[in-house]
Amino acid sequence: MANKQTRHIGERLKRLLTNIGTWLSRPWFAGAVVLYVLFWIIFDPSSFNWHAIATIATLFMTLFIQRSEHRDTQAIHAKLDELLRAHGDARNRLTTLDDKEPEQVEAFRDKTRASE
């Protein structure tokens, strides 16, 4: 019973992390960080030192990388979807892979490679 609950919690955590990654790639989140920095400067300017600037720069670089990765992934998905639509023999279940968790996609790829 505990193993089943642990597995359920693990699945929920994986789904949550995937959703957070997608959420962080949205442009409005960068605006939220700018707003956070403005509030920080207004309400506690004495603590806004070089360490704070480095922290904010790191956060922005992380957001830019996340955004770039998300854009690239979405472009690849769009291209592959078009190829699957154009090729009549493609398996329909491939079109739903982008709704799966990364571990499920890897398992599908491993299974496909093993059957070749």
N, C-alpha and C. Protein backbone atom coordinates (compact mmCIF):
# COMPACT_ATOMS: atom_id res chain seq x y z
N MET A 1 0.83 -1.20 0.00
CA MET A 1 0.00 0.00 0.00
C MET A 1 0.87 1.26 0.00
N ALA A 2 1.92 1.26 0.82
CA ALA A 2 2.80 2.44 0.89
C ALA A 2 3.52 2.65 -0.42
N ASN A 3 3.89 1.56 -1.10
CA ASN A 3 4.58 1.67 -2.39
C ASN A 3 3.67 2.32 -3.43
N LYS A 4 2.40 1.96 -3.40
CA LYS A 4 1.43 2.55 -4.34
C LYS A 4 1.26 4.05 -4.06
N GLN A 5 1.19 4.42 -2.78
CA GLN A 5 1.06 5.83 -2.43
C GLN A 5 2.31 6.61 -2.82
N THR A 6 3.48 6.01 -2.60
CA THR A 6 4.74 6.67 -2.98
C THR A 6 4.80 6.88 -4.48
N ARG A 7 4.40 5.87 -5.23
CA ARG A 7 4.37 5.99 -6.69
C ARG A 7 3.41 7.09 -7.14
N HIS A 8 2.24 7.16 -6.48
CA HIS A 8 1.26 8.18 -6.82
C HIS A 8 1.81 9.59 -6.54
N ILE A 9 2.47 9.74 -5.41
CA ILE A 9 3.08 11.03 -5.06
C ILE A 9 4.18 11.37 -6.05
N GLY A 10 4.98 10.37 -6.43
CA GLY A 10 6.03 10.58 -7.42
C GLY A 10 5.48 11.04 -8.76
N GLU A 11 4.38 10.43 -9.20
CA GLU A 11 3.76 10.82 -10.47
C GLU A 11 3.22 12.25 -10.39
N ARG A 12 2.62 12.58 -9.27
CA ARG A 12 2.08 13.94 -9.10
C ARG A 12 3.22 14.97 -9.08
N LEU A 13 4.33 14.61 -8.44
CA LEU A 13 5.48 15.51 -8.38
C LEU A 13 6.07 15.72 -9.78
N LYS A 14 6.19 14.65 -10.56
CA LYS A 14 6.70 14.77 -11.93
C LYS A 14 5.81 15.68 -12.76
N ARG A 15 4.50 15.49 -12.65
CA ARG A 15 3.55 16.32 -13.40
C ARG A 15 3.66 17.78 -12.96
N LEU A 16 3.80 18.00 -11.64
CA LEU A 16 3.93 19.36 -11.12
C LEU A 16 5.19 20.04 -11.66
N LEU A 17 6.31 19.32 -11.64
CA LEU A 17 7.57 19.90 -12.13
C LEU A 17 7.49 20.23 -13.62
N THR A 18 6.85 19.38 -14.40
CA THR A 18 6.68 19.65 -15.82
C THR A 18 5.82 20.90 -16.02
N ASN A 19 4.74 21.00 -15.26
CA ASN A 19 3.86 22.17 -15.37
C ASN A 19 4.57 23.45 -14.93
N ILE A 20 5.39 23.37 -13.89
CA ILE A 20 6.13 24.54 -13.44
C ILE A 20 7.11 24.99 -14.51
N GLY A 21 7.80 24.03 -15.15
CA GLY A 21 8.72 24.37 -16.23
C GLY A 21 8.02 25.08 -17.37
N THR A 22 6.84 24.62 -17.73
CA THR A 22 6.06 25.26 -18.78
C THR A 22 5.62 26.65 -18.34
N TRP A 23 5.19 26.76 -17.10
CA TRP A 23 4.73 28.04 -16.55
C TRP A 23 5.85 29.07 -16.54
N LEU A 24 7.06 28.63 -16.17
CA LEU A 24 8.19 29.55 -16.10
C LEU A 24 8.65 30.03 -17.48
N SER A 25 8.25 29.35 -18.52
CA SER A 25 8.68 29.75 -19.86
C SER A 25 7.79 30.84 -20.45
N ARG A 26 6.77 31.22 -19.76
CA ARG A 26 5.85 32.26 -20.25
C ARG A 26 6.47 33.64 -20.08
N PRO A 27 6.23 34.54 -21.05
CA PRO A 27 6.84 35.89 -20.98
C PRO A 27 6.38 36.70 -19.77
N TRP A 28 5.16 36.50 -19.33
CA TRP A 28 4.67 37.31 -18.21
C TRP A 28 5.43 37.01 -16.92
N PHE A 29 6.08 35.83 -16.84
CA PHE A 29 6.83 35.52 -15.63
C PHE A 29 8.05 36.43 -15.50
N ALA A 30 8.67 36.78 -16.62
CA ALA A 30 9.79 37.74 -16.58
C ALA A 30 9.29 39.09 -16.05
N GLY A 31 8.08 39.47 -16.45
CA GLY A 31 7.48 40.69 -15.92
C GLY A 31 7.24 40.61 -14.42
N ALA A 32 6.85 39.42 -13.96
CA ALA A 32 6.66 39.23 -12.52
C ALA A 32 7.98 39.38 -11.77
N VAL A 33 9.07 38.92 -12.36
CA VAL A 33 10.39 39.06 -11.73
C VAL A 33 10.78 40.53 -11.68
N VAL A 34 10.52 41.28 -12.75
CA VAL A 34 10.82 42.72 -12.76
C VAL A 34 10.01 43.42 -11.66
N LEU A 35 8.75 43.06 -11.54
CA LEU A 35 7.91 43.64 -10.49
C LEU A 35 8.46 43.30 -9.10
N TYR A 36 8.91 42.07 -8.92
CA TYR A 36 9.52 41.65 -7.66
C TYR A 36 10.75 42.49 -7.34
N VAL A 37 11.60 42.71 -8.35
CA VAL A 37 12.81 43.52 -8.15
C VAL A 37 12.44 44.95 -7.78
N LEU A 38 11.44 45.51 -8.45
CA LEU A 38 11.01 46.88 -8.13
C LEU A 38 10.52 46.97 -6.68
N PHE A 39 9.71 46.00 -6.27
CA PHE A 39 9.25 46.00 -4.88
C PHE A 39 10.42 45.85 -3.91
N TRP A 40 11.37 45.03 -4.27
CA TRP A 40 12.56 44.83 -3.43
C TRP A 40 13.31 46.15 -3.27
N ILE A 41 13.51 46.86 -4.38
CA ILE A 41 14.24 48.13 -4.33
C ILE A 41 13.46 49.18 -3.54
N ILE A 42 12.13 49.19 -3.70
CA ILE A 42 11.31 50.18 -3.01
C ILE A 42 11.26 49.91 -1.50
N PHE A 43 11.03 48.66 -1.11
CA PHE A 43 10.79 48.34 0.30
C PHE A 43 12.04 47.99 1.11
N ASP A 44 13.12 47.57 0.45
CA ASP A 44 14.32 47.23 1.20
C ASP A 44 15.57 47.54 0.36
N PRO A 45 15.78 48.81 0.02
CA PRO A 45 16.90 49.15 -0.86
C PRO A 45 18.26 48.86 -0.24
N SER A 46 18.35 48.82 1.07
CA SER A 46 19.66 48.58 1.70
C SER A 46 20.17 47.16 1.46
N SER A 47 19.28 46.22 1.21
CA SER A 47 19.71 44.84 0.98
C SER A 47 19.96 44.55 -0.50
N PHE A 48 19.70 45.54 -1.35
CA PHE A 48 19.90 45.34 -2.78
C PHE A 48 21.34 45.69 -3.13
N ASN A 49 22.22 44.71 -2.97
CA ASN A 49 23.65 44.91 -3.19
C ASN A 49 24.12 44.08 -4.38
N TRP A 50 25.42 43.89 -4.52
CA TRP A 50 25.95 43.13 -5.66
C TRP A 50 25.47 41.68 -5.63
N HIS A 51 25.29 41.13 -4.44
CA HIS A 51 24.80 39.76 -4.34
C HIS A 51 23.37 39.65 -4.89
N ALA A 52 22.55 40.63 -4.59
CA ALA A 52 21.17 40.65 -5.10
C ALA A 52 21.17 40.78 -6.62
N ILE A 53 22.04 41.62 -7.14
CA ILE A 53 22.12 41.80 -8.60
C ILE A 53 22.55 40.49 -9.27
N ALA A 54 23.51 39.80 -8.69
CA ALA A 54 23.94 38.51 -9.24
C ALA A 54 22.81 37.49 -9.18
N THR A 55 22.05 37.50 -8.10
CA THR A 55 20.92 36.58 -7.97
C THR A 55 19.86 36.86 -9.03
N ILE A 56 19.54 38.12 -9.22
CA ILE A 56 18.54 38.50 -10.23
C ILE A 56 19.04 38.16 -11.64
N ALA A 57 20.32 38.42 -11.90
CA ALA A 57 20.88 38.09 -13.22
C ALA A 57 20.81 36.58 -13.47
N THR A 58 21.11 35.79 -12.45
CA THR A 58 21.02 34.34 -12.58
C THR A 58 19.59 33.89 -12.85
N LEU A 59 18.65 34.49 -12.14
CA LEU A 59 17.25 34.16 -12.35
C LEU A 59 16.82 34.49 -13.78
N PHE A 60 17.19 35.67 -14.26
CA PHE A 60 16.82 36.05 -15.62
C PHE A 60 17.47 35.13 -16.66
N MET A 61 18.71 34.77 -16.46
CA MET A 61 19.36 33.86 -17.41
C MET A 61 18.65 32.50 -17.41
N THR A 62 18.24 32.04 -16.24
CA THR A 62 17.50 30.79 -16.16
C THR A 62 16.18 30.89 -16.92
N LEU A 63 15.49 32.01 -16.76
CA LEU A 63 14.23 32.21 -17.48
C LEU A 63 14.45 32.28 -18.99
N PHE A 64 15.50 32.95 -19.43
CA PHE A 64 15.79 33.02 -20.86
C PHE A 64 16.10 31.64 -21.44
N ILE A 65 16.88 30.87 -20.70
CA ILE A 65 17.20 29.52 -21.17
C ILE A 65 15.94 28.66 -21.22
N GLN A 66 15.12 28.75 -20.19
CA GLN A 66 13.87 27.99 -20.15
C GLN A 66 12.98 28.38 -21.32
N ARG A 67 12.88 29.66 -21.60
CA ARG A 67 12.05 30.15 -22.70
C ARG A 67 12.58 29.63 -24.04
N SER A 68 13.88 29.68 -24.23
CA SER A 68 14.49 29.22 -25.46
C SER A 68 14.26 27.72 -25.65
N GLU A 69 14.45 26.95 -24.60
CA GLU A 69 14.22 25.51 -24.67
C GLU A 69 12.77 25.20 -25.00
N HIS A 70 11.85 25.92 -24.37
CA HIS A 70 10.43 25.69 -24.62
C HIS A 70 10.08 26.02 -26.07
N ARG A 71 10.60 27.13 -26.57
CA ARG A 71 10.35 27.52 -27.97
C ARG A 71 10.87 26.45 -28.92
N ASP A 72 12.10 26.00 -28.70
CA ASP A 72 12.69 24.98 -29.57
C ASP A 72 11.89 23.68 -29.53
N THR A 73 11.48 23.29 -28.34
CA THR A 73 10.70 22.06 -28.21
C THR A 73 9.36 22.18 -28.93
N GLN A 74 8.70 23.32 -28.78
CA GLN A 74 7.42 23.52 -29.46
C GLN A 74 7.60 23.52 -30.98
N ALA A 75 8.68 24.11 -31.47
CA ALA A 75 8.93 24.11 -32.91
C ALA A 75 9.17 22.69 -33.42
N ILE A 76 9.93 21.91 -32.68
CA ILE A 76 10.18 20.52 -33.08
C ILE A 76 8.87 19.74 -33.08
N HIS A 77 8.04 19.94 -32.07
CA HIS A 77 6.75 19.26 -32.03
C HIS A 77 5.89 19.63 -33.23
N ALA A 78 5.85 20.90 -33.57
CA ALA A 78 5.04 21.34 -34.71
C ALA A 78 5.53 20.70 -36.01
N LYS A 79 6.84 20.65 -36.18
CA LYS A 79 7.41 20.03 -37.39
C LYS A 79 7.10 18.54 -37.45
N LEU A 80 7.28 17.88 -36.32
CA LEU A 80 7.00 16.44 -36.29
C LEU A 80 5.52 16.15 -36.49
N ASP A 81 4.65 16.98 -35.91
CA ASP A 81 3.21 16.80 -36.12
C ASP A 81 2.87 16.90 -37.60
N GLU A 82 3.49 17.86 -38.28
CA GLU A 82 3.24 18.02 -39.71
C GLU A 82 3.74 16.81 -40.50
N LEU A 83 4.90 16.29 -40.13
CA LEU A 83 5.41 15.09 -40.80
C LEU A 83 4.50 13.88 -40.56
N LEU A 84 4.00 13.76 -39.34
CA LEU A 84 3.09 12.66 -39.04
C LEU A 84 1.78 12.79 -39.82
N ARG A 85 1.28 14.00 -39.97
CA ARG A 85 0.06 14.21 -40.74
C ARG A 85 0.29 13.91 -42.22
N ALA A 86 1.46 14.28 -42.73
CA ALA A 86 1.76 14.10 -44.15
C ALA A 86 2.01 12.63 -44.50
N HIS A 87 2.51 11.86 -43.56
CA HIS A 87 2.83 10.46 -43.81
C HIS A 87 1.66 9.60 -43.36
N GLY A 88 0.97 9.01 -44.28
CA GLY A 88 -0.25 8.26 -43.98
C GLY A 88 -0.04 7.03 -43.13
N ASP A 89 1.16 6.44 -43.13
CA ASP A 89 1.39 5.21 -42.39
C ASP A 89 1.79 5.44 -40.93
N ALA A 90 1.92 6.67 -40.51
CA ALA A 90 2.37 6.97 -39.15
C ALA A 90 1.34 6.49 -38.13
N ARG A 91 1.83 6.09 -36.98
CA ARG A 91 0.94 5.63 -35.92
C ARG A 91 0.32 6.84 -35.22
N ASN A 92 -0.98 6.80 -35.02
CA ASN A 92 -1.69 7.91 -34.40
C ASN A 92 -1.28 8.14 -32.96
N ARG A 93 -0.84 7.12 -32.25
CA ARG A 93 -0.49 7.30 -30.85
C ARG A 93 0.75 8.15 -30.68
N LEU A 94 1.53 8.33 -31.75
CA LEU A 94 2.70 9.21 -31.66
C LEU A 94 2.30 10.66 -31.45
N THR A 95 1.13 11.05 -31.93
CA THR A 95 0.71 12.44 -31.81
C THR A 95 0.37 12.82 -30.38
N THR A 96 0.18 11.86 -29.51
CA THR A 96 -0.16 12.17 -28.11
C THR A 96 1.05 12.10 -27.18
N LEU A 97 2.23 11.84 -27.73
CA LEU A 97 3.41 11.73 -26.88
C LEU A 97 3.75 13.03 -26.17
N ASP A 98 3.44 14.17 -26.76
CA ASP A 98 3.79 15.43 -26.11
C ASP A 98 2.92 15.71 -24.89
N ASP A 99 1.89 14.91 -24.67
CA ASP A 99 1.08 15.04 -23.46
C ASP A 99 1.60 14.18 -22.32
N LYS A 100 2.61 13.37 -22.59
CA LYS A 100 3.15 12.45 -21.61
C LYS A 100 4.28 13.10 -20.81
N GLU A 101 4.60 12.46 -19.70
CA GLU A 101 5.73 12.90 -18.89
C GLU A 101 7.04 12.47 -19.57
N PRO A 102 8.15 13.17 -19.32
CA PRO A 102 9.42 12.82 -19.97
C PRO A 102 9.82 11.36 -19.79
N GLU A 103 9.57 10.81 -18.62
CA GLU A 103 9.94 9.41 -18.38
C GLU A 103 9.11 8.46 -19.24
N GLN A 104 7.85 8.83 -19.47
CA GLN A 104 6.99 8.00 -20.32
C GLN A 104 7.44 8.05 -21.77
N VAL A 105 7.88 9.22 -22.22
CA VAL A 105 8.38 9.36 -23.58
C VAL A 105 9.66 8.53 -23.75
N GLU A 106 10.54 8.60 -22.77
CA GLU A 106 11.78 7.81 -22.83
C GLU A 106 11.47 6.32 -22.86
N ALA A 107 10.51 5.88 -22.06
CA ALA A 107 10.13 4.46 -22.05
C ALA A 107 9.56 4.06 -23.42
N PHE A 108 8.77 4.93 -24.02
CA PHE A 108 8.22 4.65 -25.35
C PHE A 108 9.34 4.53 -26.38
N ARG A 109 10.30 5.44 -26.32
CA ARG A 109 11.43 5.38 -27.26
C ARG A 109 12.25 4.12 -27.06
N ASP A 110 12.49 3.75 -25.81
CA ASP A 110 13.25 2.52 -25.54
C ASP A 110 12.50 1.30 -26.08
N LYS A 111 11.20 1.27 -25.88
CA LYS A 111 10.38 0.15 -26.36
C LYS A 111 10.41 0.09 -27.89
N THR A 112 10.34 1.25 -28.54
CA THR A 112 10.37 1.29 -30.01
C THR A 112 11.71 0.82 -30.54
N ARG A 113 12.79 1.26 -29.90
CA ARG A 113 14.13 0.83 -30.32
C ARG A 113 14.32 -0.67 -30.16
N ALA A 114 13.78 -1.22 -29.07
CA ALA A 114 13.94 -2.66 -28.80
C ALA A 114 13.17 -3.50 -29.83
N SER A 115 12.08 -2.97 -30.36
CA SER A 115 11.26 -3.75 -31.30
C SER A 115 11.79 -3.66 -32.74
N GLU A 116 12.76 -2.80 -32.99
CA GLU A 116 13.28 -2.65 -34.36
C GLU A 116 14.20 -3.78 -34.73
